[in-house]
Amino acid sequence: MTFYWERCSICGKYSPSDKCWLHSDIIVCAFCCLFCAERDNCAKPTWYSSIKPVTVEEKSRRERKAAEEKIQKVLEELLGKLG
């Protein structure tokens, strides 16, 4: 999921924002999402109030995926030069 620095539709601040799940025409920042009155009815909130730490397994999985993508890119470049 990608978050962009856009203007929040509720408070007007420029901060990392994403579309509200309940109201798809509204872009919300983390503060407005966390303090929303309708948050109890929201099945899939855009922002969460807790920080999930990155585990060692997840970090190694990300590093392995990045290495595989890098190898794939190098191989594609070499094949392009041969052909």
Protein backbone atom coordinates (compact mmCIF):
# COMPACT_ATOMS: atom_id res chain seq x y z
CA MET A 1 0.00 0.00 0.00
CA THR A 2 1.37 3.37 -0.99
CA PHE A 3 0.71 6.59 0.88
CA TYR A 4 1.24 10.00 -0.71
CA TRP A 5 1.78 13.41 0.84
CA GLU A 6 -1.58 14.92 -0.01
CA ARG A 7 -3.90 17.37 1.64
CA CYS A 8 -6.23 15.81 4.20
CA SER A 9 -9.88 16.45 3.34
CA ILE A 10 -10.77 16.96 7.02
CA CYS A 11 -7.98 18.98 8.67
CA GLY A 12 -6.33 20.40 5.54
CA LYS A 13 -2.75 19.48 6.51
CA TYR A 14 -0.31 18.09 3.97
CA SER A 15 0.82 14.75 5.36
CA PRO A 16 0.90 11.06 4.36
CA SER A 17 -2.71 10.42 3.41
CA ASP A 18 -4.88 7.73 1.88
CA LYS A 19 -8.52 7.25 0.95
CA CYS A 20 -11.04 6.58 3.69
CA TRP A 21 -12.54 3.10 3.53
CA LEU A 22 -16.04 4.26 4.54
CA HIS A 23 -16.10 7.41 2.41
CA SER A 24 -14.12 6.80 -0.78
CA ASP A 25 -14.26 10.46 -1.84
CA ILE A 26 -12.41 11.62 1.33
CA ILE A 27 -8.63 11.54 1.79
CA VAL A 28 -7.60 11.27 5.45
CA CYS A 29 -4.39 11.62 7.40
CA ALA A 30 -3.56 9.35 10.35
CA PHE A 31 -4.80 11.77 13.01
CA CYS A 32 -8.20 12.33 11.41
CA CYS A 33 -8.66 8.60 10.82
CA LEU A 34 -7.77 7.71 14.41
CA PHE A 35 -10.13 10.34 15.87
CA CYS A 36 -13.01 9.67 13.46
CA ALA A 37 -16.43 9.31 15.12
CA GLU A 38 -17.34 6.50 12.70
CA ARG A 39 -14.20 4.46 13.38
CA ASP A 40 -16.16 1.83 15.37
CA ASN A 41 -18.23 1.10 12.25
CA CYS A 42 -15.21 0.90 9.96
CA ALA A 43 -14.33 -2.64 8.93
CA LYS A 44 -10.99 -1.74 7.36
CA PRO A 45 -9.49 1.50 8.75
CA THR A 46 -6.80 3.19 6.70
CA TRP A 47 -4.62 3.94 9.73
CA TYR A 48 -4.03 1.93 12.91
CA SER A 49 -3.18 3.19 16.39
CA SER A 50 -0.36 0.73 17.07
CA ILE A 51 3.01 0.21 15.43
CA LYS A 52 3.82 -3.31 14.29
CA PRO A 53 7.53 -4.09 14.72
CA VAL A 54 9.32 -5.73 11.82
CA THR A 55 10.33 -9.29 12.65
CA VAL A 56 13.65 -10.83 11.68
CA GLU A 57 11.90 -13.23 9.30
CA GLU A 58 10.06 -10.40 7.56
CA LYS A 59 13.26 -8.39 7.23
CA SER A 60 15.18 -11.33 5.75
CA ARG A 61 12.27 -12.03 3.38
CA ARG A 62 12.34 -8.41 2.15
CA GLU A 63 16.12 -8.53 1.68
CA ARG A 64 15.92 -11.83 -0.20
CA LYS A 65 13.17 -10.47 -2.47
CA ALA A 66 15.22 -7.33 -3.19
CA ALA A 67 18.28 -9.45 -4.02
CA GLU A 68 16.24 -11.69 -6.33
CA GLU A 69 14.83 -8.64 -8.15
CA LYS A 70 18.33 -7.21 -8.55
CA ILE A 71 19.64 -10.50 -9.98
CA GLN A 72 16.66 -10.69 -12.35
CA LYS A 73 17.33 -7.14 -13.57
CA VAL A 74 21.01 -7.89 -14.21
CA LEU A 75 20.14 -11.08 -16.09
CA GLU A 76 17.61 -9.23 -18.25
CA GLU A 77 20.22 -6.58 -19.07
CA LEU A 78 22.77 -9.25 -20.05
CA LEU A 79 20.23 -11.08 -22.22
CA GLY A 80 19.30 -7.79 -23.86
CA LYS A 81 22.96 -7.15 -24.76
CA LEU A 82 23.33 -10.65 -26.21
CA GLY A 83 20.18 -10.47 -28.34
